[in-house]
Amino acid sequence: MLPLNQAQTGKQYKVENLKSLKSLSKRLAILGLSTGVFIELIALYKHGALVKTPFGNIALGSDLLDSILVSLV
């Protein structure tokens, strides 16, 4: 497992863990980003990232990238 900020663009990953507050996990689940979801990292910037989920694209701030642990599919 690795944090999302260390993932490579254009590859697919599975969200393994959201190591943060429960309220954040709930908010991300509403957006379609929860444990077990397959995502594709579209772009990674120093100020955030753009990920593709089965429910659409989501922009994430850099403060969240360390909290999302993924594994390569």
PDB file of N, CA and C in Angstrom:
ATOM      1  N   MET A   1       0.845  -1.188   0.000  1.00  0.00           N
ATOM      2  CA  MET A   1       0.000   0.000   0.000  1.00  0.00           C
ATOM      3  C   MET A   1       0.882   1.239   0.000  1.00  0.00           C
ATOM      4  N   LEU A   2       0.366   2.262  -0.639  1.00  0.00           N
ATOM      5  CA  LEU A   2       1.073   3.530  -0.667  1.00  0.00           C
ATOM      6  C   LEU A   2       0.071   4.671  -0.622  1.00  0.00           C
ATOM      7  N   PRO A   3       0.508   5.830  -0.126  1.00  0.00           N
ATOM      8  CA  PRO A   3      -0.378   6.999  -0.131  1.00  0.00           C
ATOM      9  C   PRO A   3      -0.655   7.441  -1.563  1.00  0.00           C
ATOM     10  N   LEU A   4      -1.794   8.027  -1.778  1.00  0.00           N
ATOM     11  CA  LEU A   4      -2.191   8.461  -3.116  1.00  0.00           C
ATOM     12  C   LEU A   4      -1.207   9.473  -3.701  1.00  0.00           C
ATOM     13  N   ASN A   5      -0.553  10.250  -2.864  1.00  0.00           N
ATOM     14  CA  ASN A   5       0.393  11.236  -3.389  1.00  0.00           C
ATOM     15  C   ASN A   5       1.668  10.606  -3.945  1.00  0.00           C
ATOM     16  N   GLN A   6       1.871   9.298  -3.754  1.00  0.00           N
ATOM     17  CA  GLN A   6       3.020   8.593  -4.317  1.00  0.00           C
ATOM     18  C   GLN A   6       2.628   7.702  -5.496  1.00  0.00           C
ATOM     19  N   ALA A   7       1.358   7.724  -5.874  1.00  0.00           N
ATOM     20  CA  ALA A   7       0.871   6.921  -6.992  1.00  0.00           C
ATOM     21  C   ALA A   7       1.266   7.560  -8.321  1.00  0.00           C
ATOM     22  N   GLN A   8       1.199   6.767  -9.392  1.00  0.00           N
ATOM     23  CA  GLN A   8       1.558   7.251 -10.722  1.00  0.00           C
ATOM     24  C   GLN A   8       0.296   7.523 -11.534  1.00  0.00           C
ATOM     25  N   THR A   9       0.333   8.603 -12.297  1.00  0.00           N
ATOM     26  CA  THR A   9      -0.817   8.951 -13.122  1.00  0.00           C
ATOM     27  C   THR A   9      -1.027   7.919 -14.213  1.00  0.00           C
ATOM     28  N   GLY A  10      -2.275   7.734 -14.612  1.00  0.00           N
ATOM     29  CA  GLY A  10      -2.628   6.813 -15.675  1.00  0.00           C
ATOM     30  C   GLY A  10      -2.778   5.375 -15.234  1.00  0.00           C
ATOM     31  N   LYS A  11      -2.546   5.076 -13.970  1.00  0.00           N
ATOM     32  CA  LYS A  11      -2.663   3.701 -13.468  1.00  0.00           C
ATOM     33  C   LYS A  11      -3.914   3.572 -12.614  1.00  0.00           C
ATOM     34  N   GLN A  12      -4.389   2.321 -12.524  1.00  0.00           N
ATOM     35  CA  GLN A  12      -5.579   2.062 -11.716  1.00  0.00           C
ATOM     36  C   GLN A  12      -5.171   1.523 -10.353  1.00  0.00           C
ATOM     37  N   TYR A  13      -5.904   1.974  -9.341  1.00  0.00           N
ATOM     38  CA  TYR A  13      -5.631   1.604  -7.961  1.00  0.00           C
ATOM     39  C   TYR A  13      -6.919   1.223  -7.254  1.00  0.00           C
ATOM     40  N   LYS A  14      -6.757   0.502  -6.170  1.00  0.00           N
ATOM     41  CA  LYS A  14      -7.884   0.167  -5.304  1.00  0.00           C
ATOM     42  C   LYS A  14      -7.667   0.908  -3.991  1.00  0.00           C
ATOM     43  N   VAL A  15      -8.682   1.600  -3.522  1.00  0.00           N
ATOM     44  CA  VAL A  15      -8.592   2.304  -2.249  1.00  0.00           C
ATOM     45  C   VAL A  15      -8.628   1.258  -1.137  1.00  0.00           C
ATOM     46  N   GLU A  16      -7.561   1.207  -0.348  1.00  0.00           N
ATOM     47  CA  GLU A  16      -7.443   0.214   0.717  1.00  0.00           C
ATOM     48  C   GLU A  16      -7.827   0.748   2.086  1.00  0.00           C
ATOM     49  N   ASN A  17      -7.525   2.025   2.324  1.00  0.00           N
ATOM     50  CA  ASN A  17      -7.774   2.575   3.651  1.00  0.00           C
ATOM     51  C   ASN A  17      -7.869   4.091   3.569  1.00  0.00           C
ATOM     52  N   LEU A  18      -8.734   4.641   4.365  1.00  0.00           N
ATOM     53  CA  LEU A  18      -8.829   6.098   4.515  1.00  0.00           C
ATOM     54  C   LEU A  18      -8.413   6.394   5.943  1.00  0.00           C
ATOM     55  N   LYS A  19      -7.144   6.694   6.145  1.00  0.00           N
ATOM     56  CA  LYS A  19      -6.620   6.869   7.506  1.00  0.00           C
ATOM     57  C   LYS A  19      -6.797   8.299   7.984  1.00  0.00           C
ATOM     58  N   SER A  20      -8.024   8.612   8.296  1.00  0.00           N
ATOM     59  CA  SER A  20      -8.338   9.963   8.758  1.00  0.00           C
ATOM     60  C   SER A  20      -9.559   9.915   9.654  1.00  0.00           C
ATOM     61  N   LEU A  21     -10.100  11.049   9.935  1.00  0.00           N
ATOM     62  CA  LEU A  21     -11.287  11.130  10.776  1.00  0.00           C
ATOM     63  C   LEU A  21     -12.485  10.485  10.095  1.00  0.00           C
ATOM     64  N   LYS A  22     -13.377   9.938  10.890  1.00  0.00           N
ATOM     65  CA  LYS A  22     -14.567   9.294  10.345  1.00  0.00           C
ATOM     66  C   LYS A  22     -15.428  10.266   9.546  1.00  0.00           C
ATOM     67  N   SER A  23     -15.494  11.500   9.979  1.00  0.00           N
ATOM     68  CA  SER A  23     -16.318  12.468   9.252  1.00  0.00           C
ATOM     69  C   SER A  23     -15.773  12.684   7.845  1.00  0.00           C
ATOM     70  N   LEU A  24     -14.443  12.673   7.690  1.00  0.00           N
ATOM     71  CA  LEU A  24     -13.842  12.803   6.368  1.00  0.00           C
ATOM     72  C   LEU A  24     -14.166  11.579   5.524  1.00  0.00           C
ATOM     73  N   SER A  25     -14.083  10.404   6.116  1.00  0.00           N
ATOM     74  CA  SER A  25     -14.407   9.177   5.390  1.00  0.00           C
ATOM     75  C   SER A  25     -15.848   9.204   4.898  1.00  0.00           C
ATOM     76  N   LYS A  26     -16.740   9.718   5.693  1.00  0.00           N
ATOM     77  CA  LYS A  26     -18.145   9.814   5.292  1.00  0.00           C
ATOM     78  C   LYS A  26     -18.317  10.784   4.128  1.00  0.00           C
ATOM     79  N   ARG A  27     -17.624  11.916   4.199  1.00  0.00           N
ATOM     80  CA  ARG A  27     -17.723  12.891   3.107  1.00  0.00           C
ATOM     81  C   ARG A  27     -17.166  12.318   1.812  1.00  0.00           C
ATOM     82  N   LEU A  28     -16.034  11.604   1.894  1.00  0.00           N
ATOM     83  CA  LEU A  28     -15.459  11.011   0.695  1.00  0.00           C
ATOM     84  C   LEU A  28     -16.351   9.906   0.143  1.00  0.00           C
ATOM     85  N   ALA A  29     -17.012   9.155   1.008  1.00  0.00           N
ATOM     86  CA  ALA A  29     -17.921   8.101   0.551  1.00  0.00           C
ATOM     87  C   ALA A  29     -19.084   8.688  -0.226  1.00  0.00           C
ATOM     88  N   ILE A  30     -19.559   9.845   0.192  1.00  0.00           N
ATOM     89  CA  ILE A  30     -20.642  10.517  -0.534  1.00  0.00           C
ATOM     90  C   ILE A  30     -20.177  10.865  -1.944  1.00  0.00           C
ATOM     91  N   LEU A  31     -18.899  11.225  -2.079  1.00  0.00           N
ATOM     92  CA  LEU A  31     -18.340  11.569  -3.386  1.00  0.00           C
ATOM     93  C   LEU A  31     -18.012  10.325  -4.221  1.00  0.00           C
ATOM     94  N   GLY A  32     -18.116   9.146  -3.636  1.00  0.00           N
ATOM     95  CA  GLY A  32     -17.824   7.915  -4.363  1.00  0.00           C
ATOM     96  C   GLY A  32     -16.428   7.388  -4.124  1.00  0.00           C
ATOM     97  N   LEU A  33     -15.749   7.883  -3.124  1.00  0.00           N
ATOM     98  CA  LEU A  33     -14.397   7.434  -2.816  1.00  0.00           C
ATOM     99  C   LEU A  33     -14.398   6.799  -1.436  1.00  0.00           C
ATOM    100  N   SER A  34     -14.471   5.480  -1.388  1.00  0.00           N
ATOM    101  CA  SER A  34     -14.468   4.769  -0.119  1.00  0.00           C
ATOM    102  C   SER A  34     -13.606   3.521  -0.255  1.00  0.00           C
ATOM    103  N   THR A  35     -13.378   2.842   0.837  1.00  0.00           N
ATOM    104  CA  THR A  35     -12.556   1.643   0.842  1.00  0.00           C
ATOM    105  C   THR A  35     -13.135   0.610  -0.112  1.00  0.00           C
ATOM    106  N   GLY A  36     -12.269   0.028  -0.948  1.00  0.00           N
ATOM    107  CA  GLY A  36     -12.683  -1.002  -1.894  1.00  0.00           C
ATOM    108  C   GLY A  36     -12.998  -0.489  -3.286  1.00  0.00           C
ATOM    109  N   VAL A  37     -13.082   0.821  -3.459  1.00  0.00           N
ATOM    110  CA  VAL A  37     -13.410   1.409  -4.762  1.00  0.00           C
ATOM    111  C   VAL A  37     -12.166   1.425  -5.645  1.00  0.00           C
ATOM    112  N   PHE A  38     -12.349   1.124  -6.922  1.00  0.00           N
ATOM    113  CA  PHE A  38     -11.262   1.199  -7.889  1.00  0.00           C
ATOM    114  C   PHE A  38     -11.247   2.590  -8.507  1.00  0.00           C
ATOM    115  N   ILE A  39     -10.067   3.191  -8.537  1.00  0.00           N
ATOM    116  CA  ILE A  39      -9.925   4.547  -9.067  1.00  0.00           C
ATOM    117  C   ILE A  39      -8.771   4.582 -10.070  1.00  0.00           C
ATOM    118  N   GLU A  40      -8.763   5.617 -10.882  1.00  0.00           N
ATOM    119  CA  GLU A  40      -7.636   5.887 -11.775  1.00  0.00           C
ATOM    120  C   GLU A  40      -7.121   7.282 -11.458  1.00  0.00           C
ATOM    121  N   LEU A  41      -5.816   7.395 -11.270  1.00  0.00           N
ATOM    122  CA  LEU A  41      -5.217   8.693 -11.009  1.00  0.00           C
ATOM    123  C   LEU A  41      -5.006   9.391 -12.343  1.00  0.00           C
ATOM    124  N   ILE A  42      -5.769  10.433 -12.586  1.00  0.00           N
ATOM    125  CA  ILE A  42      -5.703  11.156 -13.855  1.00  0.00           C
ATOM    126  C   ILE A  42      -4.570  12.169 -13.842  1.00  0.00           C
ATOM    127  N   ALA A  43      -4.466  12.925 -12.756  1.00  0.00           N
ATOM    128  CA  ALA A  43      -3.421  13.950 -12.656  1.00  0.00           C
ATOM    129  C   ALA A  43      -3.026  14.128 -11.201  1.00  0.00           C
ATOM    130  N   LEU A  44      -1.748  14.378 -10.994  1.00  0.00           N
ATOM    131  CA  LEU A  44      -1.221  14.623  -9.653  1.00  0.00           C
ATOM    132  C   LEU A  44      -0.441  15.931  -9.689  1.00  0.00           C
ATOM    133  N   TYR A  45      -0.859  16.856  -8.846  1.00  0.00           N
ATOM    134  CA  TYR A  45      -0.234  18.169  -8.769  1.00  0.00           C
ATOM    135  C   TYR A  45       0.288  18.382  -7.360  1.00  0.00           C
ATOM    136  N   LYS A  46       1.117  19.402  -7.162  1.00  0.00           N
ATOM    137  CA  LYS A  46       1.599  19.680  -5.804  1.00  0.00           C
ATOM    138  C   LYS A  46       0.466  20.203  -4.922  1.00  0.00           C
ATOM    139  N   HIS A  47      -0.587  20.732  -5.516  1.00  0.00           N
ATOM    140  CA  HIS A  47      -1.714  21.266  -4.752  1.00  0.00           C
ATOM    141  C   HIS A  47      -2.917  20.325  -4.719  1.00  0.00           C
ATOM    142  N   GLY A  48      -2.796  19.112  -5.281  1.00  0.00           N
ATOM    143  CA  GLY A  48      -3.909  18.172  -5.243  1.00  0.00           C
ATOM    144  C   GLY A  48      -3.836  17.136  -6.343  1.00  0.00           C
ATOM    145  N   ALA A  49      -4.956  16.474  -6.573  1.00  0.00           N
ATOM    146  CA  ALA A  49      -5.015  15.423  -7.583  1.00  0.00           C
ATOM    147  C   ALA A  49      -6.414  15.347  -8.180  1.00  0.00           C
ATOM    148  N   LEU A  50      -6.482  14.733  -9.346  1.00  0.00           N
ATOM    149  CA  LEU A  50      -7.751  14.456 -10.006  1.00  0.00           C
ATOM    150  C   LEU A  50      -7.840  12.953 -10.183  1.00  0.00           C
ATOM    151  N   VAL A  51      -8.888  12.348  -9.625  1.00  0.00           N
ATOM    152  CA  VAL A  51      -9.068  10.905  -9.717  1.00  0.00           C
ATOM    153  C   VAL A  51     -10.387  10.585 -10.398  1.00  0.00           C
ATOM    154  N   LYS A  52     -10.388   9.487 -11.130  1.00  0.00           N
ATOM    155  CA  LYS A  52     -11.591   9.015 -11.804  1.00  0.00           C
ATOM    156  C   LYS A  52     -12.147   7.840 -11.002  1.00  0.00           C
ATOM    157  N   THR A  53     -13.406   7.954 -10.608  1.00  0.00           N
ATOM    158  CA  THR A  53     -14.086   6.895  -9.873  1.00  0.00           C
ATOM    159  C   THR A  53     -15.226   6.368 -10.743  1.00  0.00           C
ATOM    160  N   PRO A  54     -15.854   5.278 -10.342  1.00  0.00           N
ATOM    161  CA  PRO A  54     -17.013   4.791 -11.103  1.00  0.00           C
ATOM    162  C   PRO A  54     -18.159   5.792 -11.136  1.00  0.00           C
ATOM    163  N   PHE A  55     -18.126   6.779 -10.246  1.00  0.00           N
ATOM    164  CA  PHE A  55     -19.202   7.755 -10.141  1.00  0.00           C
ATOM    165  C   PHE A  55     -18.856   9.099 -10.768  1.00  0.00           C
ATOM    166  N   GLY A  56     -17.659   9.225 -11.335  1.00  0.00           N
ATOM    167  CA  GLY A  56     -17.228  10.473 -11.948  1.00  0.00           C
ATOM    168  C   GLY A  56     -15.862  10.896 -11.446  1.00  0.00           C
ATOM    169  N   ASN A  57     -15.399  12.029 -11.925  1.00  0.00           N
ATOM    170  CA  ASN A  57     -14.090  12.548 -11.537  1.00  0.00           C
ATOM    171  C   ASN A  57     -14.205  13.374 -10.264  1.00  0.00           C
ATOM    172  N   ILE A  58     -13.168  13.267  -9.416  1.00  0.00           N
ATOM    173  CA  ILE A  58     -13.137  14.003  -8.157  1.00  0.00           C
ATOM    174  C   ILE A  58     -11.798  14.717  -8.043  1.00  0.00           C
ATOM    175  N   ALA A  59     -11.838  15.986  -7.692  1.00  0.00           N
ATOM    176  CA  ALA A  59     -10.629  16.744  -7.388  1.00  0.00           C
ATOM    177  C   ALA A  59     -10.403  16.697  -5.884  1.00  0.00           C
ATOM    178  N   LEU A  60      -9.178  16.356  -5.492  1.00  0.00           N
ATOM    179  CA  LEU A  60      -8.827  16.243  -4.083  1.00  0.00           C
ATOM    180  C   LEU A  60      -7.709  17.222  -3.765  1.00  0.00           C
ATOM    181  N   GLY A  61      -7.775  17.835  -2.605  1.00  0.00           N
ATOM    182  CA  GLY A  61      -6.728  18.741  -2.166  1.00  0.00           C
ATOM    183  C   GLY A  61      -5.514  17.976  -1.653  1.00  0.00           C
ATOM    184  N   SER A  62      -4.387  18.642  -1.612  1.00  0.00           N
ATOM    185  CA  SER A  62      -3.140  17.996  -1.182  1.00  0.00           C
ATOM    186  C   SER A  62      -3.212  17.515   0.260  1.00  0.00           C
ATOM    187  N   ASP A  63      -4.060  18.122   1.071  1.00  0.00           N
ATOM    188  CA  ASP A  63      -4.194  17.706   2.464  1.00  0.00           C
ATOM    189  C   ASP A  63      -4.807  16.308   2.604  1.00  0.00           C
ATOM    190  N   LEU A  64      -5.515  15.838   1.586  1.00  0.00           N
ATOM    191  CA  LEU A  64      -6.143  14.515   1.644  1.00  0.00           C
ATOM    192  C   LEU A  64      -5.277  13.403   1.066  1.00  0.00           C
ATOM    193  N   LEU A  65      -4.307  13.742   0.258  1.00  0.00           N
ATOM    194  CA  LEU A  65      -3.560  12.724  -0.477  1.00  0.00           C
ATOM    195  C   LEU A  65      -2.766  11.785   0.418  1.00  0.00           C
ATOM    196  N   ASP A  66      -2.284  12.269   1.554  1.00  0.00           N
ATOM    197  CA  ASP A  66      -1.563  11.397   2.494  1.00  0.00           C
ATOM    198  C   ASP A  66      -2.503  10.446   3.228  1.00  0.00           C
ATOM    199  N   SER A  67      -3.762  10.803   3.325  1.00  0.00           N
ATOM    200  CA  SER A  67      -4.722  10.028   4.115  1.00  0.00           C
ATOM    201  C   SER A  67      -5.364   8.888   3.334  1.00  0.00           C
ATOM    202  N   ILE A  68      -5.191   8.866   2.021  1.00  0.00           N
ATOM    203  CA  ILE A  68      -5.812   7.837   1.187  1.00  0.00           C
ATOM    204  C   ILE A  68      -4.740   6.826   0.778  1.00  0.00           C
ATOM    205  N   LEU A  69      -4.877   5.601   1.282  1.00  0.00           N
ATOM    206  CA  LEU A  69      -3.935   4.539   0.964  1.00  0.00           C
ATOM    207  C   LEU A  69      -4.504   3.668  -0.149  1.00  0.00           C
ATOM    208  N   VAL A  70      -3.696   3.409  -1.181  1.00  0.00           N
ATOM    209  CA  VAL A  70      -4.141   2.638  -2.343  1.00  0.00           C
ATOM    210  C   VAL A  70      -3.161   1.519  -2.639  1.00  0.00           C
ATOM    211  N   SER A  71      -3.622   0.554  -3.424  1.00  0.00           N
ATOM    212  CA  SER A  71      -2.750  -0.505  -3.940  1.00  0.00           C
ATOM    213  C   SER A  71      -2.967  -0.600  -5.436  1.00  0.00           C
ATOM    214  N   LEU A  72      -1.910  -0.969  -6.139  1.00  0.00           N
ATOM    215  CA  LEU A  72      -1.956  -1.071  -7.594  1.00  0.00           C
ATOM    216  C   LEU A  72      -2.796  -2.272  -7.994  1.00  0.00           C
ATOM    217  N   VAL A  73      -3.643  -2.080  -8.992  1.00  0.00           N
ATOM    218  CA  VAL A  73      -4.517  -3.171  -9.471  1.00  0.00           C
ATOM    219  C   VAL A  73      -3.787  -3.919 -10.573  1.00  0.00           C
TER     220      VAL A  73
END
